[in-house]
Amino acid sequence: MVFEDEAPWVEARIEACEPPNRLAVSTINEHGSWHLELLLSEDDGTTQVRLVHHLESTGAVGEVGAGWEYYLDLLVSARTGTPKPDFADYYPSMKPYFQALAG
């Protein structure tokens, strides 16, 4: 969690591992528990990555959604050698977008 205060480590439990298409993990820390899935598929020679965050409520979806956009773009930058994104470009500007998705 490189952007979080003090860049804490987060322990994750592997709930399902179905190579090469699915990884499901859960994490628990002082902020609660998160249940996540990474789903991989191939489309015309390109690997598609879909991140699914199973939320217990939509109360923080504006913050969580913007955070995942940032972390996924950080992954892209690490893979491509491009400059790291700036979290200020994601939050708070993306918060209304993700809140609208939650309804």
N, C-alpha and C. Protein backbone atom coordinates (compact mmCIF):
# COMPACT_ATOMS: atom_id res chain seq x y z
N MET A 1 0.85 -1.17 0.00
CA MET A 1 0.00 0.00 0.00
C MET A 1 0.90 1.23 0.00
N VAL A 2 1.57 1.46 -1.09
CA VAL A 2 2.63 2.46 -1.15
C VAL A 2 2.16 3.89 -0.97
N PHE A 3 0.91 4.19 -1.22
CA PHE A 3 0.47 5.57 -1.06
C PHE A 3 -0.06 5.85 0.34
N GLU A 4 -0.43 4.82 1.07
CA GLU A 4 -1.01 5.00 2.40
C GLU A 4 0.04 5.53 3.37
N ASP A 5 -0.42 6.15 4.46
CA ASP A 5 0.50 6.65 5.48
C ASP A 5 1.45 5.54 5.91
N GLU A 6 2.74 5.82 5.86
CA GLU A 6 3.80 4.91 6.27
C GLU A 6 3.90 3.65 5.41
N ALA A 7 3.21 3.61 4.26
CA ALA A 7 3.26 2.49 3.32
C ALA A 7 3.18 1.13 4.03
N PRO A 8 2.08 0.86 4.74
CA PRO A 8 2.00 -0.38 5.52
C PRO A 8 1.88 -1.64 4.65
N TRP A 9 2.38 -2.73 5.19
CA TRP A 9 2.15 -4.03 4.59
C TRP A 9 0.75 -4.47 4.97
N VAL A 10 0.09 -5.19 4.10
CA VAL A 10 -1.24 -5.72 4.38
C VAL A 10 -1.18 -7.22 4.14
N GLU A 11 -1.52 -7.98 5.17
CA GLU A 11 -1.56 -9.43 4.99
C GLU A 11 -2.79 -9.80 4.18
N ALA A 12 -2.62 -10.72 3.26
CA ALA A 12 -3.71 -11.18 2.42
C ALA A 12 -3.80 -12.70 2.49
N ARG A 13 -5.02 -13.18 2.52
CA ARG A 13 -5.27 -14.62 2.52
C ARG A 13 -5.79 -15.02 1.15
N ILE A 14 -5.17 -16.01 0.55
CA ILE A 14 -5.63 -16.50 -0.75
C ILE A 14 -6.85 -17.37 -0.52
N GLU A 15 -7.97 -16.93 -1.07
CA GLU A 15 -9.23 -17.67 -0.93
C GLU A 15 -9.45 -18.64 -2.09
N ALA A 16 -8.96 -18.26 -3.27
CA ALA A 16 -9.07 -19.12 -4.45
C ALA A 16 -7.94 -18.76 -5.40
N CYS A 17 -7.36 -19.78 -5.99
CA CYS A 17 -6.32 -19.58 -6.99
C CYS A 17 -6.61 -20.57 -8.12
N GLU A 18 -7.05 -20.05 -9.24
CA GLU A 18 -7.44 -20.87 -10.37
C GLU A 18 -6.64 -20.42 -11.60
N PRO A 19 -5.35 -20.84 -11.66
CA PRO A 19 -4.50 -20.42 -12.77
C PRO A 19 -5.09 -20.86 -14.10
N PRO A 20 -4.99 -20.09 -15.11
CA PRO A 20 -4.38 -18.76 -15.16
C PRO A 20 -5.41 -17.64 -15.13
N ASN A 21 -6.63 -17.90 -14.62
CA ASN A 21 -7.70 -16.93 -14.80
C ASN A 21 -8.20 -16.20 -13.56
N ARG A 22 -7.99 -16.73 -12.37
CA ARG A 22 -8.65 -16.11 -11.22
C ARG A 22 -7.81 -16.24 -9.96
N LEU A 23 -7.74 -15.12 -9.23
CA LEU A 23 -7.14 -15.09 -7.91
C LEU A 23 -8.09 -14.31 -7.01
N ALA A 24 -8.52 -14.92 -5.92
CA ALA A 24 -9.38 -14.25 -4.95
C ALA A 24 -8.64 -14.18 -3.62
N VAL A 25 -8.60 -12.98 -3.03
CA VAL A 25 -7.91 -12.78 -1.76
C VAL A 25 -8.80 -11.98 -0.82
N SER A 26 -8.50 -12.11 0.46
CA SER A 26 -9.16 -11.27 1.46
C SER A 26 -8.08 -10.68 2.35
N THR A 27 -8.34 -9.49 2.82
CA THR A 27 -7.43 -8.82 3.74
C THR A 27 -8.23 -8.32 4.93
N ILE A 28 -7.57 -8.27 6.07
CA ILE A 28 -8.19 -7.73 7.27
C ILE A 28 -7.16 -6.85 7.95
N ASN A 29 -7.57 -5.62 8.27
CA ASN A 29 -6.71 -4.73 9.05
C ASN A 29 -7.59 -3.84 9.92
N GLU A 30 -7.01 -2.79 10.48
CA GLU A 30 -7.78 -1.94 11.39
C GLU A 30 -8.90 -1.18 10.69
N HIS A 31 -8.90 -1.16 9.36
CA HIS A 31 -9.94 -0.46 8.61
C HIS A 31 -11.07 -1.39 8.18
N GLY A 32 -10.93 -2.68 8.45
CA GLY A 32 -11.97 -3.64 8.07
C GLY A 32 -11.43 -4.76 7.20
N SER A 33 -12.35 -5.45 6.57
CA SER A 33 -11.96 -6.57 5.70
C SER A 33 -12.34 -6.25 4.27
N TRP A 34 -11.50 -6.69 3.34
CA TRP A 34 -11.74 -6.50 1.93
C TRP A 34 -11.67 -7.85 1.23
N HIS A 35 -12.56 -8.04 0.28
CA HIS A 35 -12.59 -9.27 -0.51
C HIS A 35 -12.41 -8.86 -1.97
N LEU A 36 -11.33 -9.34 -2.57
CA LEU A 36 -10.93 -8.91 -3.90
C LEU A 36 -10.74 -10.10 -4.83
N GLU A 37 -10.97 -9.88 -6.11
CA GLU A 37 -10.69 -10.88 -7.13
C GLU A 37 -9.96 -10.22 -8.29
N LEU A 38 -8.97 -10.91 -8.81
CA LEU A 38 -8.33 -10.54 -10.07
C LEU A 38 -8.73 -11.59 -11.09
N LEU A 39 -9.35 -11.14 -12.16
CA LEU A 39 -9.81 -12.03 -13.21
C LEU A 39 -9.04 -11.70 -14.48
N LEU A 40 -8.39 -12.70 -15.05
CA LEU A 40 -7.59 -12.52 -16.25
C LEU A 40 -8.23 -13.24 -17.42
N SER A 41 -8.24 -12.56 -18.56
CA SER A 41 -8.73 -13.19 -19.77
C SER A 41 -7.90 -12.68 -20.94
N GLU A 42 -7.96 -13.41 -22.03
CA GLU A 42 -7.19 -13.03 -23.22
C GLU A 42 -8.17 -12.53 -24.27
N ASP A 43 -7.82 -11.40 -24.88
CA ASP A 43 -8.65 -10.83 -25.92
C ASP A 43 -7.76 -10.39 -27.06
N ASP A 44 -7.77 -11.14 -28.14
CA ASP A 44 -7.01 -10.79 -29.33
C ASP A 44 -5.52 -10.63 -29.05
N GLY A 45 -4.95 -11.53 -28.24
CA GLY A 45 -3.53 -11.51 -27.93
C GLY A 45 -3.13 -10.58 -26.80
N THR A 46 -4.10 -9.94 -26.16
CA THR A 46 -3.83 -9.02 -25.06
C THR A 46 -4.50 -9.55 -23.79
N THR A 47 -3.76 -9.52 -22.69
CA THR A 47 -4.34 -9.95 -21.43
C THR A 47 -5.17 -8.83 -20.84
N GLN A 48 -6.41 -9.15 -20.51
CA GLN A 48 -7.31 -8.20 -19.86
C GLN A 48 -7.33 -8.53 -18.36
N VAL A 49 -7.18 -7.52 -17.53
CA VAL A 49 -7.22 -7.68 -16.08
C VAL A 49 -8.46 -6.98 -15.56
N ARG A 50 -9.26 -7.70 -14.80
CA ARG A 50 -10.44 -7.09 -14.18
C ARG A 50 -10.31 -7.26 -12.67
N LEU A 51 -10.37 -6.16 -11.97
CA LEU A 51 -10.31 -6.16 -10.51
C LEU A 51 -11.73 -6.03 -9.99
N VAL A 52 -12.13 -6.95 -9.14
CA VAL A 52 -13.45 -6.91 -8.52
C VAL A 52 -13.25 -6.76 -7.02
N HIS A 53 -13.81 -5.70 -6.47
CA HIS A 53 -13.75 -5.46 -5.03
C HIS A 53 -15.16 -5.65 -4.50
N HIS A 54 -15.36 -6.71 -3.73
CA HIS A 54 -16.68 -7.02 -3.18
C HIS A 54 -16.88 -6.16 -1.93
N LEU A 55 -17.68 -5.12 -2.06
CA LEU A 55 -17.91 -4.18 -0.96
C LEU A 55 -19.10 -4.62 -0.11
N GLU A 56 -18.99 -4.40 1.18
CA GLU A 56 -20.10 -4.70 2.08
C GLU A 56 -21.12 -3.56 2.08
N SER A 57 -20.67 -2.36 1.74
CA SER A 57 -21.57 -1.22 1.59
C SER A 57 -20.95 -0.29 0.55
N THR A 58 -21.73 0.67 0.08
CA THR A 58 -21.23 1.60 -0.93
C THR A 58 -20.81 2.94 -0.32
N GLY A 59 -20.76 3.03 0.99
CA GLY A 59 -20.46 4.30 1.66
C GLY A 59 -19.14 4.93 1.27
N ALA A 60 -18.12 4.14 1.03
CA ALA A 60 -16.79 4.69 0.71
C ALA A 60 -16.39 4.44 -0.74
N VAL A 61 -17.37 4.14 -1.59
CA VAL A 61 -17.03 3.77 -2.97
C VAL A 61 -16.30 4.90 -3.71
N GLY A 62 -16.58 6.15 -3.39
CA GLY A 62 -15.88 7.26 -4.03
C GLY A 62 -14.40 7.25 -3.76
N GLU A 63 -14.02 6.99 -2.51
CA GLU A 63 -12.61 6.92 -2.14
C GLU A 63 -11.96 5.64 -2.64
N VAL A 64 -12.65 4.52 -2.46
CA VAL A 64 -12.10 3.22 -2.83
C VAL A 64 -11.91 3.12 -4.34
N GLY A 65 -12.89 3.56 -5.10
CA GLY A 65 -12.79 3.49 -6.56
C GLY A 65 -11.63 4.32 -7.08
N ALA A 66 -11.51 5.54 -6.59
CA ALA A 66 -10.40 6.40 -7.02
C ALA A 66 -9.06 5.78 -6.63
N GLY A 67 -9.01 5.17 -5.45
CA GLY A 67 -7.78 4.51 -5.00
C GLY A 67 -7.39 3.37 -5.89
N TRP A 68 -8.35 2.53 -6.30
CA TRP A 68 -8.03 1.41 -7.18
C TRP A 68 -7.62 1.89 -8.57
N GLU A 69 -8.25 2.95 -9.07
CA GLU A 69 -7.81 3.51 -10.36
C GLU A 69 -6.33 3.90 -10.28
N TYR A 70 -5.97 4.55 -9.17
CA TYR A 70 -4.59 4.96 -8.97
C TYR A 70 -3.66 3.75 -8.93
N TYR A 71 -4.00 2.75 -8.11
CA TYR A 71 -3.12 1.58 -7.97
C TYR A 71 -3.01 0.79 -9.28
N LEU A 72 -4.09 0.70 -10.04
CA LEU A 72 -4.01 -0.01 -11.32
C LEU A 72 -3.15 0.76 -12.32
N ASP A 73 -3.26 2.08 -12.33
CA ASP A 73 -2.39 2.88 -13.19
C ASP A 73 -0.93 2.82 -12.72
N LEU A 74 -0.72 2.70 -11.41
CA LEU A 74 0.63 2.52 -10.88
C LEU A 74 1.21 1.20 -11.38
N LEU A 75 0.41 0.15 -11.44
CA LEU A 75 0.84 -1.13 -12.00
C LEU A 75 1.23 -0.97 -13.47
N VAL A 76 0.39 -0.27 -14.23
CA VAL A 76 0.70 -0.05 -15.65
C VAL A 76 2.03 0.70 -15.78
N SER A 77 2.24 1.71 -14.96
CA SER A 77 3.48 2.47 -15.05
C SER A 77 4.69 1.60 -14.71
N ALA A 78 4.54 0.70 -13.76
CA ALA A 78 5.64 -0.21 -13.41
C ALA A 78 5.94 -1.17 -14.56
N ARG A 79 4.90 -1.61 -15.25
CA ARG A 79 5.08 -2.56 -16.36
C ARG A 79 5.65 -1.90 -17.61
N THR A 80 5.31 -0.62 -17.82
CA THR A 80 5.69 0.05 -19.06
C THR A 80 6.88 0.99 -18.90
N GLY A 81 7.28 1.26 -17.66
CA GLY A 81 8.39 2.17 -17.44
C GLY A 81 8.02 3.64 -17.61
N THR A 82 6.73 3.93 -17.60
CA THR A 82 6.27 5.31 -17.72
C THR A 82 6.25 5.96 -16.34
N PRO A 83 6.17 7.29 -16.29
CA PRO A 83 6.16 7.97 -14.98
C PRO A 83 5.00 7.51 -14.09
N LYS A 84 5.26 7.46 -12.80
CA LYS A 84 4.23 7.08 -11.84
C LYS A 84 3.12 8.12 -11.83
N PRO A 85 1.89 7.67 -11.67
CA PRO A 85 0.78 8.63 -11.57
C PRO A 85 0.83 9.38 -10.24
N ASP A 86 0.14 10.48 -10.19
CA ASP A 86 0.03 11.29 -8.99
C ASP A 86 -1.38 11.11 -8.42
N PHE A 87 -1.48 10.68 -7.17
CA PHE A 87 -2.78 10.41 -6.58
C PHE A 87 -3.68 11.64 -6.61
N ALA A 88 -3.10 12.83 -6.57
CA ALA A 88 -3.90 14.07 -6.62
C ALA A 88 -4.68 14.18 -7.93
N ASP A 89 -4.28 13.45 -8.95
CA ASP A 89 -5.03 13.45 -10.20
C ASP A 89 -6.25 12.53 -10.14
N TYR A 90 -6.37 11.74 -9.10
CA TYR A 90 -7.45 10.76 -8.96
C TYR A 90 -8.47 11.17 -7.89
N TYR A 91 -7.95 11.66 -6.81
CA TYR A 91 -8.83 11.98 -5.68
C TYR A 91 -8.54 13.39 -5.21
N PRO A 92 -9.55 14.19 -5.06
CA PRO A 92 -10.98 13.91 -4.99
C PRO A 92 -11.73 14.01 -6.32
N SER A 93 -11.05 14.31 -7.43
CA SER A 93 -11.76 14.57 -8.68
C SER A 93 -12.59 13.38 -9.18
N MET A 94 -12.17 12.13 -8.91
CA MET A 94 -12.90 10.96 -9.40
C MET A 94 -13.98 10.48 -8.43
N LYS A 95 -14.02 11.05 -7.24
CA LYS A 95 -14.99 10.60 -6.24
C LYS A 95 -16.43 10.67 -6.74
N PRO A 96 -16.89 11.78 -7.34
CA PRO A 96 -18.27 11.82 -7.82
C PRO A 96 -18.59 10.75 -8.86
N TYR A 97 -17.63 10.45 -9.72
CA TYR A 97 -17.83 9.43 -10.74
C TYR A 97 -18.16 8.08 -10.10
N PHE A 98 -17.34 7.67 -9.12
CA PHE A 98 -17.56 6.38 -8.48
C PHE A 98 -18.80 6.38 -7.60
N GLN A 99 -19.11 7.48 -6.97
CA GLN A 99 -20.34 7.56 -6.19
C GLN A 99 -21.57 7.39 -7.10
N ALA A 100 -21.51 7.99 -8.29
CA ALA A 100 -22.63 7.85 -9.23
C ALA A 100 -22.80 6.40 -9.68
N LEU A 101 -21.70 5.66 -9.81
CA LEU A 101 -21.80 4.25 -10.19
C LEU A 101 -22.54 3.44 -9.13
N ALA A 102 -22.39 3.84 -7.87
CA ALA A 102 -23.03 3.12 -6.77
C ALA A 102 -24.51 3.43 -6.67
N GLY A 103 -24.95 4.49 -7.34
CA GLY A 103 -26.38 4.82 -7.35
C GLY A 103 -26.85 5.72 -6.31
